Amino acid sequence: MANSYQRGQSDVRPWGTWEVIDCGNEFCVKHICVNAGGILSLQSHNFRAEHWIIVKGTAVVTLGEQMLEKRAGESVYIPLKTKHRIQNKTNAPMEFVEVQVGENLDENDIIRYEDMYGRV
């Protein structure tokens, strides 16, 4: 197992921010804030599955061919290699906790299919 994340690591993206809360060889936990109107790229991962728990606001989640609305306290599991994205269609910030589990945890394990910020 490989994990390139470190506790406290963070980044600013066009849609909001993320920060690593905790990590180990087989997992990474991030706190992610999505700005009002923000949307992450439609993506998949070859080496990790993810579990998202909404902690503030309302999210629209694309999971494969499904569109799901999730509110604070609700969660969604994203299996390995499944196309997914999260969107905040509201006028207030939305926050979620992302738990990654897999054999290779790294920002390079992102395959982008669509991105409104031109990062494909």
PDB file of N, CA and C in Angstrom:
ATOM      1  N   MET A   1       0.842  -1.178   0.000  1.00  0.00           N
ATOM      2  CA  MET A   1       0.000   0.000   0.000  1.00  0.00           C
ATOM      3  C   MET A   1       0.892   1.248   0.000  1.00  0.00           C
ATOM      4  N   ALA A   2       0.464   2.261  -0.740  1.00  0.00           N
ATOM      5  CA  ALA A   2       1.204   3.519  -0.795  1.00  0.00           C
ATOM      6  C   ALA A   2       0.246   4.675  -0.566  1.00  0.00           C
ATOM      7  N   ASN A   3       0.699   5.653   0.195  1.00  0.00           N
ATOM      8  CA  ASN A   3      -0.108   6.828   0.468  1.00  0.00           C
ATOM      9  C   ASN A   3       0.808   8.034   0.406  1.00  0.00           C
ATOM     10  N   SER A   4       0.545   8.927  -0.556  1.00  0.00           N
ATOM     11  CA  SER A   4       1.386  10.112  -0.681  1.00  0.00           C
ATOM     12  C   SER A   4       0.844  11.292   0.128  1.00  0.00           C
ATOM     13  N   TYR A   5      -0.312  11.126   0.771  1.00  0.00           N
ATOM     14  CA  TYR A   5      -0.905  12.208   1.565  1.00  0.00           C
ATOM     15  C   TYR A   5      -0.242  12.305   2.936  1.00  0.00           C
ATOM     16  N   GLN A   6      -0.273  13.517   3.503  1.00  0.00           N
ATOM     17  CA  GLN A   6       0.218  13.752   4.855  1.00  0.00           C
ATOM     18  C   GLN A   6      -0.823  14.548   5.627  1.00  0.00           C
ATOM     19  N   ARG A   7      -0.990  14.229   6.904  1.00  0.00           N
ATOM     20  CA  ARG A   7      -1.926  14.954   7.756  1.00  0.00           C
ATOM     21  C   ARG A   7      -1.610  16.447   7.687  1.00  0.00           C
ATOM     22  N   GLY A   8      -2.653  17.267   7.507  1.00  0.00           N
ATOM     23  CA  GLY A   8      -2.482  18.710   7.424  1.00  0.00           C
ATOM     24  C   GLY A   8      -2.278  19.235   6.016  1.00  0.00           C
ATOM     25  N   GLN A   9      -1.985  18.345   5.066  1.00  0.00           N
ATOM     26  CA  GLN A   9      -1.825  18.753   3.680  1.00  0.00           C
ATOM     27  C   GLN A   9      -3.149  19.348   3.199  1.00  0.00           C
ATOM     28  N   SER A  10      -3.083  20.403   2.379  1.00  0.00           N
ATOM     29  CA  SER A  10      -4.311  21.021   1.880  1.00  0.00           C
ATOM     30  C   SER A  10      -4.061  21.601   0.497  1.00  0.00           C
ATOM     31  N   ASP A  11      -5.159  21.949  -0.162  1.00  0.00           N
ATOM     32  CA  ASP A  11      -5.050  22.541  -1.489  1.00  0.00           C
ATOM     33  C   ASP A  11      -6.288  23.382  -1.755  1.00  0.00           C
ATOM     34  N   VAL A  12      -6.107  24.418  -2.567  1.00  0.00           N
ATOM     35  CA  VAL A  12      -7.210  25.241  -3.034  1.00  0.00           C
ATOM     36  C   VAL A  12      -7.451  24.868  -4.484  1.00  0.00           C
ATOM     37  N   ARG A  13      -8.687  24.564  -4.807  1.00  0.00           N
ATOM     38  CA  ARG A  13      -9.078  24.200  -6.168  1.00  0.00           C
ATOM     39  C   ARG A  13     -10.086  25.231  -6.688  1.00  0.00           C
ATOM     40  N   PRO A  14     -10.393  25.228  -7.982  1.00  0.00           N
ATOM     41  CA  PRO A  14     -11.349  26.220  -8.502  1.00  0.00           C
ATOM     42  C   PRO A  14     -12.741  26.108  -7.859  1.00  0.00           C
ATOM     43  N   TRP A  15     -13.101  24.921  -7.373  1.00  0.00           N
ATOM     44  CA  TRP A  15     -14.418  24.669  -6.787  1.00  0.00           C
ATOM     45  C   TRP A  15     -14.454  24.826  -5.267  1.00  0.00           C
ATOM     46  N   GLY A  16     -13.281  24.922  -4.593  1.00  0.00           N
ATOM     47  CA  GLY A  16     -13.247  25.008  -3.132  1.00  0.00           C
ATOM     48  C   GLY A  16     -11.901  24.565  -2.581  1.00  0.00           C
ATOM     49  N   THR A  17     -11.927  23.855  -1.438  1.00  0.00           N
ATOM     50  CA  THR A  17     -10.678  23.452  -0.775  1.00  0.00           C
ATOM     51  C   THR A  17     -10.782  22.026  -0.221  1.00  0.00           C
ATOM     52  N   TRP A  18      -9.623  21.421   0.010  1.00  0.00           N
ATOM     53  CA  TRP A  18      -9.563  20.147   0.742  1.00  0.00           C
ATOM     54  C   TRP A  18      -8.385  20.173   1.706  1.00  0.00           C
ATOM     55  N   GLU A  19      -8.559  19.402   2.798  1.00  0.00           N
ATOM     56  CA  GLU A  19      -7.501  19.259   3.790  1.00  0.00           C
ATOM     57  C   GLU A  19      -7.496  17.830   4.307  1.00  0.00           C
ATOM     58  N   VAL A  20      -6.304  17.254   4.441  1.00  0.00           N
ATOM     59  CA  VAL A  20      -6.167  15.901   4.980  1.00  0.00           C
ATOM     60  C   VAL A  20      -6.287  15.966   6.498  1.00  0.00           C
ATOM     61  N   ILE A  21      -7.295  15.275   7.035  1.00  0.00           N
ATOM     62  CA  ILE A  21      -7.529  15.218   8.480  1.00  0.00           C
ATOM     63  C   ILE A  21      -6.667  14.131   9.108  1.00  0.00           C
ATOM     64  N   ASP A  22      -6.584  12.978   8.450  1.00  0.00           N
ATOM     65  CA  ASP A  22      -5.812  11.852   8.961  1.00  0.00           C
ATOM     66  C   ASP A  22      -5.463  10.940   7.796  1.00  0.00           C
ATOM     67  N   CYS A  23      -4.415  10.147   7.948  1.00  0.00           N
ATOM     68  CA  CYS A  23      -4.054   9.207   6.893  1.00  0.00           C
ATOM     69  C   CYS A  23      -3.137   8.123   7.454  1.00  0.00           C
ATOM     70  N   GLY A  24      -3.105   7.019   6.746  1.00  0.00           N
ATOM     71  CA  GLY A  24      -2.241   5.894   7.068  1.00  0.00           C
ATOM     72  C   GLY A  24      -1.904   5.182   5.773  1.00  0.00           C
ATOM     73  N   ASN A  25      -1.275   4.018   5.867  1.00  0.00           N
ATOM     74  CA  ASN A  25      -0.889   3.294   4.656  1.00  0.00           C
ATOM     75  C   ASN A  25      -2.076   2.877   3.801  1.00  0.00           C
ATOM     76  N   GLU A  26      -3.223   2.631   4.418  1.00  0.00           N
ATOM     77  CA  GLU A  26      -4.361   2.074   3.680  1.00  0.00           C
ATOM     78  C   GLU A  26      -5.559   3.004   3.615  1.00  0.00           C
ATOM     79  N   PHE A  27      -5.440   4.226   4.156  1.00  0.00           N
ATOM     80  CA  PHE A  27      -6.583   5.128   4.143  1.00  0.00           C
ATOM     81  C   PHE A  27      -6.152   6.588   4.154  1.00  0.00           C
ATOM     82  N   CYS A  28      -7.075   7.454   3.741  1.00  0.00           N
ATOM     83  CA  CYS A  28      -6.897   8.896   3.839  1.00  0.00           C
ATOM     84  C   CYS A  28      -8.271   9.494   4.124  1.00  0.00           C
ATOM     85  N   VAL A  29      -8.323  10.448   5.058  1.00  0.00           N
ATOM     86  CA  VAL A  29      -9.567  11.139   5.392  1.00  0.00           C
ATOM     87  C   VAL A  29      -9.364  12.622   5.086  1.00  0.00           C
ATOM     88  N   LYS A  30     -10.247  13.159   4.228  1.00  0.00           N
ATOM     89  CA  LYS A  30     -10.179  14.573   3.859  1.00  0.00           C
ATOM     90  C   LYS A  30     -11.452  15.295   4.270  1.00  0.00           C
ATOM     91  N   HIS A  31     -11.295  16.558   4.638  1.00  0.00           N
ATOM     92  CA  HIS A  31     -12.431  17.466   4.832  1.00  0.00           C
ATOM     93  C   HIS A  31     -12.449  18.341   3.590  1.00  0.00           C
ATOM     94  N   ILE A  32     -13.570  18.323   2.871  1.00  0.00           N
ATOM     95  CA  ILE A  32     -13.669  19.023   1.588  1.00  0.00           C
ATOM     96  C   ILE A  32     -14.791  20.050   1.655  1.00  0.00           C
ATOM     97  N   CYS A  33     -14.492  21.279   1.248  1.00  0.00           N
ATOM     98  CA  CYS A  33     -15.471  22.359   1.191  1.00  0.00           C
ATOM     99  C   CYS A  33     -15.693  22.730  -0.274  1.00  0.00           C
ATOM    100  N   VAL A  34     -16.955  22.708  -0.689  1.00  0.00           N
ATOM    101  CA  VAL A  34     -17.308  23.051  -2.062  1.00  0.00           C
ATOM    102  C   VAL A  34     -18.031  24.389  -2.036  1.00  0.00           C
ATOM    103  N   ASN A  35     -17.485  25.358  -2.759  1.00  0.00           N
ATOM    104  CA  ASN A  35     -18.080  26.689  -2.809  1.00  0.00           C
ATOM    105  C   ASN A  35     -19.498  26.644  -3.362  1.00  0.00           C
ATOM    106  N   ALA A  36     -20.283  27.671  -3.042  1.00  0.00           N
ATOM    107  CA  ALA A  36     -21.624  27.809  -3.618  1.00  0.00           C
ATOM    108  C   ALA A  36     -21.504  27.738  -5.145  1.00  0.00           C
ATOM    109  N   GLY A  37     -22.287  26.869  -5.770  1.00  0.00           N
ATOM    110  CA  GLY A  37     -22.253  26.711  -7.221  1.00  0.00           C
ATOM    111  C   GLY A  37     -21.085  25.892  -7.743  1.00  0.00           C
ATOM    112  N   GLY A  38     -20.230  25.377  -6.853  1.00  0.00           N
ATOM    113  CA  GLY A  38     -19.049  24.622  -7.270  1.00  0.00           C
ATOM    114  C   GLY A  38     -19.372  23.204  -7.699  1.00  0.00           C
ATOM    115  N   ILE A  39     -18.538  22.671  -8.579  1.00  0.00           N
ATOM    116  CA  ILE A  39     -18.705  21.295  -9.052  1.00  0.00           C
ATOM    117  C   ILE A  39     -17.337  20.690  -9.317  1.00  0.00           C
ATOM    118  N   LEU A  40     -17.103  19.500  -8.792  1.00  0.00           N
ATOM    119  CA  LEU A  40     -15.851  18.801  -9.044  1.00  0.00           C
ATOM    120  C   LEU A  40     -15.916  18.127 -10.410  1.00  0.00           C
ATOM    121  N   SER A  41     -14.787  17.731 -10.946  1.00  0.00           N
ATOM    122  CA  SER A  41     -14.762  17.066 -12.250  1.00  0.00           C
ATOM    123  C   SER A  41     -15.436  15.698 -12.164  1.00  0.00           C
ATOM    124  N   LEU A  42     -15.991  15.268 -13.307  1.00  0.00           N
ATOM    125  CA  LEU A  42     -16.464  13.889 -13.423  1.00  0.00           C
ATOM    126  C   LEU A  42     -15.207  13.051 -13.548  1.00  0.00           C
ATOM    127  N   GLN A  43     -15.027  12.102 -12.616  1.00  0.00           N
ATOM    128  CA  GLN A  43     -13.754  11.389 -12.529  1.00  0.00           C
ATOM    129  C   GLN A  43     -13.949   9.963 -12.049  1.00  0.00           C
ATOM    130  N   SER A  44     -12.872   9.212 -12.125  1.00  0.00           N
ATOM    131  CA  SER A  44     -12.826   7.878 -11.522  1.00  0.00           C
ATOM    132  C   SER A  44     -11.412   7.655 -11.008  1.00  0.00           C
ATOM    133  N   HIS A  45     -11.253   6.570 -10.249  1.00  0.00           N
ATOM    134  CA  HIS A  45      -9.954   6.225  -9.673  1.00  0.00           C
ATOM    135  C   HIS A  45      -9.691   4.743  -9.902  1.00  0.00           C
ATOM    136  N   ASN A  46      -8.479   4.407 -10.305  1.00  0.00           N
ATOM    137  CA  ASN A  46      -8.118   3.006 -10.536  1.00  0.00           C
ATOM    138  C   ASN A  46      -7.704   2.278  -9.268  1.00  0.00           C
ATOM    139  N   PHE A  47      -7.264   3.020  -8.248  1.00  0.00           N
ATOM    140  CA  PHE A  47      -6.646   2.374  -7.093  1.00  0.00           C
ATOM    141  C   PHE A  47      -7.329   2.635  -5.765  1.00  0.00           C
ATOM    142  N   ARG A  48      -8.431   3.396  -5.760  1.00  0.00           N
ATOM    143  CA  ARG A  48      -9.098   3.680  -4.486  1.00  0.00           C
ATOM    144  C   ARG A  48     -10.609   3.764  -4.644  1.00  0.00           C
ATOM    145  N   ALA A  49     -11.280   3.356  -3.577  1.00  0.00           N
ATOM    146  CA  ALA A  49     -12.714   3.574  -3.419  1.00  0.00           C
ATOM    147  C   ALA A  49     -12.863   4.731  -2.443  1.00  0.00           C
ATOM    148  N   GLU A  50     -14.027   5.385  -2.466  1.00  0.00           N
ATOM    149  CA  GLU A  50     -14.266   6.518  -1.586  1.00  0.00           C
ATOM    150  C   GLU A  50     -15.626   6.398  -0.913  1.00  0.00           C
ATOM    151  N   HIS A  51     -15.720   6.955   0.273  1.00  0.00           N
ATOM    152  CA  HIS A  51     -16.989   7.045   0.994  1.00  0.00           C
ATOM    153  C   HIS A  51     -17.132   8.518   1.370  1.00  0.00           C
ATOM    154  N   TRP A  52     -18.224   9.143   0.915  1.00  0.00           N
ATOM    155  CA  TRP A  52     -18.461  10.558   1.200  1.00  0.00           C
ATOM    156  C   TRP A  52     -19.563  10.686   2.226  1.00  0.00           C
ATOM    157  N   ILE A  53     -19.343  11.503   3.257  1.00  0.00           N
ATOM    158  CA  ILE A  53     -20.353  11.799   4.269  1.00  0.00           C
ATOM    159  C   ILE A  53     -20.590  13.311   4.231  1.00  0.00           C
ATOM    160  N   ILE A  54     -21.799  13.714   3.882  1.00  0.00           N
ATOM    161  CA  ILE A  54     -22.128  15.138   3.826  1.00  0.00           C
ATOM    162  C   ILE A  54     -22.270  15.636   5.264  1.00  0.00           C
ATOM    163  N   VAL A  55     -21.585  16.726   5.591  1.00  0.00           N
ATOM    164  CA  VAL A  55     -21.651  17.255   6.950  1.00  0.00           C
ATOM    165  C   VAL A  55     -22.323  18.628   7.006  1.00  0.00           C
ATOM    166  N   LYS A  56     -22.415  19.326   5.886  1.00  0.00           N
ATOM    167  CA  LYS A  56     -23.070  20.635   5.864  1.00  0.00           C
ATOM    168  C   LYS A  56     -23.606  20.903   4.466  1.00  0.00           C
ATOM    169  N   GLY A  57     -24.878  21.277   4.382  1.00  0.00           N
ATOM    170  CA  GLY A  57     -25.455  21.650   3.097  1.00  0.00           C
ATOM    171  C   GLY A  57     -26.072  20.471   2.366  1.00  0.00           C
ATOM    172  N   THR A  58     -26.275  20.679   1.070  1.00  0.00           N
ATOM    173  CA  THR A  58     -26.886  19.683   0.197  1.00  0.00           C
ATOM    174  C   THR A  58     -25.991  19.477  -1.010  1.00  0.00           C
ATOM    175  N   ALA A  59     -25.779  18.219  -1.374  1.00  0.00           N
ATOM    176  CA  ALA A  59     -24.920  17.868  -2.505  1.00  0.00           C
ATOM    177  C   ALA A  59     -25.731  17.121  -3.556  1.00  0.00           C
ATOM    178  N   VAL A  60     -25.375  17.332  -4.809  1.00  0.00           N
ATOM    179  CA  VAL A  60     -25.876  16.507  -5.894  1.00  0.00           C
ATOM    180  C   VAL A  60     -24.706  15.632  -6.330  1.00  0.00           C
ATOM    181  N   VAL A  61     -24.882  14.318  -6.191  1.00  0.00           N
ATOM    182  CA  VAL A  61     -23.812  13.364  -6.459  1.00  0.00           C
ATOM    183  C   VAL A  61     -24.134  12.583  -7.725  1.00  0.00           C
ATOM    184  N   THR A  62     -23.176  12.549  -8.639  1.00  0.00           N
ATOM    185  CA  THR A  62     -23.253  11.656  -9.789  1.00  0.00           C
ATOM    186  C   THR A  62     -22.500  10.400  -9.401  1.00  0.00           C
ATOM    187  N   LEU A  63     -23.168   9.257  -9.486  1.00  0.00           N
ATOM    188  CA  LEU A  63     -22.574   7.956  -9.155  1.00  0.00           C
ATOM    189  C   LEU A  63     -22.903   7.018 -10.306  1.00  0.00           C
ATOM    190  N   GLY A  64     -21.934   6.819 -11.198  1.00  0.00           N
ATOM    191  CA  GLY A  64     -22.215   6.050 -12.407  1.00  0.00           C
ATOM    192  C   GLY A  64     -23.269   6.786 -13.217  1.00  0.00           C
ATOM    193  N   GLU A  65     -24.402   6.134 -13.469  1.00  0.00           N
ATOM    194  CA  GLU A  65     -25.500   6.741 -14.238  1.00  0.00           C
ATOM    195  C   GLU A  65     -26.547   7.399 -13.338  1.00  0.00           C
ATOM    196  N   GLN A  66     -26.378   7.296 -12.016  1.00  0.00           N
ATOM    197  CA  GLN A  66     -27.361   7.838 -11.083  1.00  0.00           C
ATOM    198  C   GLN A  66     -27.031   9.271 -10.670  1.00  0.00           C
ATOM    199  N   MET A  67     -28.091  10.051 -10.393  1.00  0.00           N
ATOM    200  CA  MET A  67     -27.960  11.376  -9.793  1.00  0.00           C
ATOM    201  C   MET A  67     -28.652  11.292  -8.442  1.00  0.00           C
ATOM    202  N   LEU A  68     -27.928  11.567  -7.361  1.00  0.00           N
ATOM    203  CA  LEU A  68     -28.448  11.437  -6.008  1.00  0.00           C
ATOM    204  C   LEU A  68     -28.351  12.775  -5.282  1.00  0.00           C
ATOM    205  N   GLU A  69     -29.392  13.146  -4.545  1.00  0.00           N
ATOM    206  CA  GLU A  69     -29.314  14.320  -3.694  1.00  0.00           C
ATOM    207  C   GLU A  69     -29.025  13.845  -2.280  1.00  0.00           C
ATOM    208  N   LYS A  70     -27.985  14.390  -1.682  1.00  0.00           N
ATOM    209  CA  LYS A  70     -27.575  13.990  -0.331  1.00  0.00           C
ATOM    210  C   LYS A  70     -27.511  15.222   0.555  1.00  0.00           C
ATOM    211  N   ARG A  71     -28.026  15.079   1.769  1.00  0.00           N
ATOM    212  CA  ARG A  71     -28.049  16.170   2.744  1.00  0.00           C
ATOM    213  C   ARG A  71     -27.135  15.826   3.922  1.00  0.00           C
ATOM    214  N   ALA A  72     -26.909  16.811   4.783  1.00  0.00           N
ATOM    215  CA  ALA A  72     -26.067  16.612   5.957  1.00  0.00           C
ATOM    216  C   ALA A  72     -26.510  15.364   6.721  1.00  0.00           C
ATOM    217  N   GLY A  73     -25.564  14.509   7.058  1.00  0.00           N
ATOM    218  CA  GLY A  73     -25.837  13.255   7.760  1.00  0.00           C
ATOM    219  C   GLY A  73     -25.986  12.060   6.841  1.00  0.00           C
ATOM    220  N   GLU A  74     -26.082  12.293   5.535  1.00  0.00           N
ATOM    221  CA  GLU A  74     -26.220  11.191   4.573  1.00  0.00           C
ATOM    222  C   GLU A  74     -24.872  10.915   3.915  1.00  0.00           C
ATOM    223  N   SER A  75     -24.751   9.718   3.348  1.00  0.00           N
ATOM    224  CA  SER A  75     -23.475   9.331   2.755  1.00  0.00           C
ATOM    225  C   SER A  75     -23.681   8.573   1.451  1.00  0.00           C
ATOM    226  N   VAL A  76     -22.583   8.390   0.739  1.00  0.00           N
ATOM    227  CA  VAL A  76     -22.594   7.618  -0.505  1.00  0.00           C
ATOM    228  C   VAL A  76     -21.239   6.921  -0.630  1.00  0.00           C
ATOM    229  N   TYR A  77     -21.264   5.688  -1.131  1.00  0.00           N
ATOM    230  CA  TYR A  77     -20.046   4.902  -1.359  1.00  0.00           C
ATOM    231  C   TYR A  77     -19.736   4.901  -2.849  1.00  0.00           C
ATOM    232  N   ILE A  78     -18.494   5.190  -3.206  1.00  0.00           N
ATOM    233  CA  ILE A  78     -18.059   5.207  -4.603  1.00  0.00           C
ATOM    234  C   ILE A  78     -17.075   4.060  -4.804  1.00  0.00           C
ATOM    235  N   PRO A  79     -17.509   2.986  -5.463  1.00  0.00           N
ATOM    236  CA  PRO A  79     -16.604   1.856  -5.700  1.00  0.00           C
ATOM    237  C   PRO A  79     -15.441   2.224  -6.634  1.00  0.00           C
ATOM    238  N   LEU A  80     -14.391   1.453  -6.546  1.00  0.00           N
ATOM    239  CA  LEU A  80     -13.235   1.558  -7.430  1.00  0.00           C
ATOM    240  C   LEU A  80     -13.702   1.645  -8.888  1.00  0.00           C
ATOM    241  N   LYS A  81     -13.089   2.539  -9.666  1.00  0.00           N
ATOM    242  CA  LYS A  81     -13.291   2.700 -11.109  1.00  0.00           C
ATOM    243  C   LYS A  81     -14.680   3.189 -11.510  1.00  0.00           C
ATOM    244  N   THR A  82     -15.480   3.684 -10.556  1.00  0.00           N
ATOM    245  CA  THR A  82     -16.815   4.197 -10.859  1.00  0.00           C
ATOM    246  C   THR A  82     -16.736   5.696 -11.127  1.00  0.00           C
ATOM    247  N   LYS A  83     -17.333   6.145 -12.235  1.00  0.00           N
ATOM    248  CA  LYS A  83     -17.372   7.578 -12.528  1.00  0.00           C
ATOM    249  C   LYS A  83     -18.241   8.270 -11.481  1.00  0.00           C
ATOM    250  N   HIS A  84     -17.745   9.418 -11.002  1.00  0.00           N
ATOM    251  CA  HIS A  84     -18.469  10.131  -9.952  1.00  0.00           C
ATOM    252  C   HIS A  84     -18.095  11.613  -9.947  1.00  0.00           C
ATOM    253  N   ARG A  85     -18.952  12.395  -9.316  1.00  0.00           N
ATOM    254  CA  ARG A  85     -18.676  13.815  -9.074  1.00  0.00           C
ATOM    255  C   ARG A  85     -19.627  14.307  -8.008  1.00  0.00           C
ATOM    256  N   ILE A  86     -19.304  15.451  -7.435  1.00  0.00           N
ATOM    257  CA  ILE A  86     -20.175  16.072  -6.436  1.00  0.00           C
ATOM    258  C   ILE A  86     -20.336  17.535  -6.819  1.00  0.00           C
ATOM    259  N   GLN A  87     -21.538  18.044  -6.605  1.00  0.00           N
ATOM    260  CA  GLN A  87     -21.866  19.407  -6.995  1.00  0.00           C
ATOM    261  C   GLN A  87     -22.651  20.088  -5.888  1.00  0.00           C
ATOM    262  N   ASN A  88     -22.409  21.375  -5.733  1.00  0.00           N
ATOM    263  CA  ASN A  88     -23.147  22.199  -4.791  1.00  0.00           C
ATOM    264  C   ASN A  88     -23.974  23.191  -5.606  1.00  0.00           C
ATOM    265  N   LYS A  89     -25.265  22.938  -5.724  1.00  0.00           N
ATOM    266  CA  LYS A  89     -26.138  23.812  -6.501  1.00  0.00           C
ATOM    267  C   LYS A  89     -26.748  24.930  -5.653  1.00  0.00           C
ATOM    268  N   THR A  90     -26.351  25.023  -4.376  1.00  0.00           N
ATOM    269  CA  THR A  90     -26.936  26.011  -3.479  1.00  0.00           C
ATOM    270  C   THR A  90     -26.101  27.296  -3.455  1.00  0.00           C
ATOM    271  N   ASN A  91     -26.595  28.276  -2.708  1.00  0.00           N
ATOM    272  CA  ASN A  91     -25.908  29.560  -2.562  1.00  0.00           C
ATOM    273  C   ASN A  91     -25.062  29.629  -1.303  1.00  0.00           C
ATOM    274  N   ALA A  92     -24.843  28.497  -0.656  1.00  0.00           N
ATOM    275  CA  ALA A  92     -24.036  28.439   0.572  1.00  0.00           C
ATOM    276  C   ALA A  92     -22.995  27.324   0.425  1.00  0.00           C
ATOM    277  N   PRO A  93     -21.876  27.411   1.126  1.00  0.00           N
ATOM    278  CA  PRO A  93     -20.868  26.349   1.056  1.00  0.00           C
ATOM    279  C   PRO A  93     -21.432  24.996   1.492  1.00  0.00           C
ATOM    280  N   MET A  94     -20.924  23.935   0.895  1.00  0.00           N
ATOM    281  CA  MET A  94     -21.288  22.566   1.248  1.00  0.00           C
ATOM    282  C   MET A  94     -19.999  21.879   1.686  1.00  0.00           C
ATOM    283  N   GLU A  95     -20.084  21.043   2.731  1.00  0.00           N
ATOM    284  CA  GLU A  95     -18.901  20.359   3.235  1.00  0.00           C
ATOM    285  C   GLU A  95     -19.160  18.865   3.332  1.00  0.00           C
ATOM    286  N   PHE A  96     -18.110  18.087   3.055  1.00  0.00           N
ATOM    287  CA  PHE A  96     -18.210  16.647   3.252  1.00  0.00           C
ATOM    288  C   PHE A  96     -16.871  16.076   3.676  1.00  0.00           C
ATOM    289  N   VAL A  97     -16.935  14.898   4.282  1.00  0.00           N
ATOM    290  CA  VAL A  97     -15.749  14.155   4.665  1.00  0.00           C
ATOM    291  C   VAL A  97     -15.604  13.014   3.674  1.00  0.00           C
ATOM    292  N   GLU A  98     -14.408  12.879   3.139  1.00  0.00           N
ATOM    293  CA  GLU A  98     -14.111  11.827   2.167  1.00  0.00           C
ATOM    294  C   GLU A  98     -13.149  10.841   2.815  1.00  0.00           C
ATOM    295  N   VAL A  99     -13.528   9.562   2.821  1.00  0.00           N
ATOM    296  CA  VAL A  99     -12.653   8.508   3.318  1.00  0.00           C
ATOM    297  C   VAL A  99     -12.200   7.695   2.102  1.00  0.00           C
ATOM    298  N   GLN A 100     -10.918   7.709   1.833  1.00  0.00           N
ATOM    299  CA  GLN A 100     -10.340   6.943   0.724  1.00  0.00           C
ATOM    300  C   GLN A 100      -9.720   5.667   1.276  1.00  0.00           C
ATOM    301  N   VAL A 101      -9.949   4.566   0.564  1.00  0.00           N
ATOM    302  CA  VAL A 101      -9.336   3.292   0.925  1.00  0.00           C
ATOM    303  C   VAL A 101      -8.838   2.652  -0.367  1.00  0.00           C
ATOM    304  N   GLY A 102      -7.582   2.219  -0.376  1.00  0.00           N
ATOM    305  CA  GLY A 102      -7.072   1.585  -1.582  1.00  0.00           C
ATOM    306  C   GLY A 102      -5.595   1.292  -1.511  1.00  0.00           C
ATOM    307  N   GLU A 103      -5.102   0.705  -2.588  1.00  0.00           N
ATOM    308  CA  GLU A 103      -3.709   0.269  -2.625  1.00  0.00           C
ATOM    309  C   GLU A 103      -2.748   1.389  -2.989  1.00  0.00           C
ATOM    310  N   ASN A 104      -3.264   2.476  -3.573  1.00  0.00           N
ATOM    311  CA  ASN A 104      -2.411   3.597  -3.954  1.00  0.00           C
ATOM    312  C   ASN A 104      -3.211   4.878  -3.780  1.00  0.00           C
ATOM    313  N   LEU A 105      -2.919   5.631  -2.727  1.00  0.00           N
ATOM    314  CA  LEU A 105      -3.653   6.856  -2.438  1.00  0.00           C
ATOM    315  C   LEU A 105      -2.792   8.042  -2.838  1.00  0.00           C
ATOM    316  N   ASP A 106      -3.216   8.713  -3.912  1.00  0.00           N
ATOM    317  CA  ASP A 106      -2.385   9.742  -4.518  1.00  0.00           C
ATOM    318  C   ASP A 106      -3.262  10.645  -5.381  1.00  0.00           C
ATOM    319  N   GLU A 107      -2.961  11.930  -5.439  1.00  0.00           N
ATOM    320  CA  GLU A 107      -3.718  12.857  -6.286  1.00  0.00           C
ATOM    321  C   GLU A 107      -3.569  12.514  -7.776  1.00  0.00           C
ATOM    322  N   ASN A 108      -2.549  11.740  -8.139  1.00  0.00           N
ATOM    323  CA  ASN A 108      -2.366  11.359  -9.537  1.00  0.00           C
ATOM    324  C   ASN A 108      -3.345  10.270  -9.983  1.00  0.00           C
ATOM    325  N   ASP A 109      -4.039   9.653  -9.042  1.00  0.00           N
ATOM    326  CA  ASP A 109      -5.023   8.616  -9.380  1.00  0.00           C
ATOM    327  C   ASP A 109      -6.392   9.256  -9.629  1.00  0.00           C
ATOM    328  N   ILE A 110      -6.400  10.251 -10.512  1.00  0.00           N
ATOM    329  CA  ILE A 110      -7.650  10.904 -10.915  1.00  0.00           C
ATOM    330  C   ILE A 110      -7.714  10.864 -12.433  1.00  0.00           C
ATOM    331  N   ILE A 111      -8.734  10.195 -12.953  1.00  0.00           N
ATOM    332  CA  ILE A 111      -8.992  10.182 -14.390  1.00  0.00           C
ATOM    333  C   ILE A 111     -10.182  11.112 -14.607  1.00  0.00           C
ATOM    334  N   ARG A 112      -9.948  12.249 -15.266  1.00  0.00           N
ATOM    335  CA  ARG A 112     -11.013  13.233 -15.485  1.00  0.00           C
ATOM    336  C   ARG A 112     -11.671  13.005 -16.840  1.00  0.00           C
ATOM    337  N   TYR A 113     -13.014  13.037 -16.842  1.00  0.00           N
ATOM    338  CA  TYR A 113     -13.794  12.879 -18.065  1.00  0.00           C
ATOM    339  C   TYR A 113     -14.424  14.199 -18.494  1.00  0.00           C
ATOM    340  N   GLU A 114     -14.864  14.993 -17.524  1.00  0.00           N
ATOM    341  CA  GLU A 114     -15.445  16.314 -17.769  1.00  0.00           C
ATOM    342  C   GLU A 114     -14.980  17.226 -16.659  1.00  0.00           C
ATOM    343  N   ASP A 115     -14.712  18.496 -16.999  1.00  0.00           N
ATOM    344  CA  ASP A 115     -14.317  19.447 -15.968  1.00  0.00           C
ATOM    345  C   ASP A 115     -14.636  20.853 -16.446  1.00  0.00           C
ATOM    346  N   MET A 116     -15.473  21.575 -15.703  1.00  0.00           N
ATOM    347  CA  MET A 116     -15.864  22.925 -16.129  1.00  0.00           C
ATOM    348  C   MET A 116     -14.735  23.951 -15.969  1.00  0.00           C
ATOM    349  N   TYR A 117     -13.618  23.538 -15.348  1.00  0.00           N
ATOM    350  CA  TYR A 117     -12.491  24.435 -15.146  1.00  0.00           C
ATOM    351  C   TYR A 117     -11.332  24.136 -16.118  1.00  0.00           C
ATOM    352  N   GLY A 118     -11.582  23.298 -17.121  1.00  0.00           N
ATOM    353  CA  GLY A 118     -10.592  23.036 -18.164  1.00  0.00           C
ATOM    354  C   GLY A 118      -9.427  22.163 -17.765  1.00  0.00           C
ATOM    355  N   ARG A 119      -9.630  21.268 -16.773  1.00  0.00           N
ATOM    356  CA  ARG A 119      -8.526  20.421 -16.297  1.00  0.00           C
ATOM    357  C   ARG A 119      -8.548  19.014 -16.891  1.00  0.00           C
ATOM    358  N   VAL A 120      -9.318  18.758 -17.929  1.00  0.00           N
ATOM    359  CA  VAL A 120      -9.378  17.395 -18.502  1.00  0.00           C
ATOM    360  C   VAL A 120      -8.110  17.154 -19.300  1.00  0.00           C
TER     361      VAL A 120
END
